[in-house]
Amino acid sequence: SKTTKQEPQKESKEHSISTQSLELQGVIGFNGNVSHGLILHPGDKHLIYPLGSTIVVKHLTENTQHFLAGHDRSVSCLAISSTGKYLSSVQTINMGFTAVGLVW
């Protein structure tokens, strides 16, 4: 029997574009564009603020961050209930369209 050596396949110059998304691990900064957009949770341990289409929840004593992602446009308004149990957010819209609001 005849043995043949197989050459490794060369990659094509035409690469497909990966559609994998990146997971947000941390943010640095605060743009301050949202009026009243920097909220101290009633428990005094979390700072909540929008950053683009994401809402950042920063634990002040543990120095950790969690992210609320549900908007596809920049968050334009935040409000928190007096107990801190509920957080609501609204994203920017084009004139004449209904704004998207979420309750977390």
Foldseek 3Di string as FASTA:
>chain_A
DDDDDDDDDDDDPDDDDDPDDDDDFDDDDDDPPAVVQWDQQPVNQWTWGWDWQKIWTAGNPVRGIDIDHDDPGGWRDWDADPNRPKIKIWHDDDPPDDIDMDID
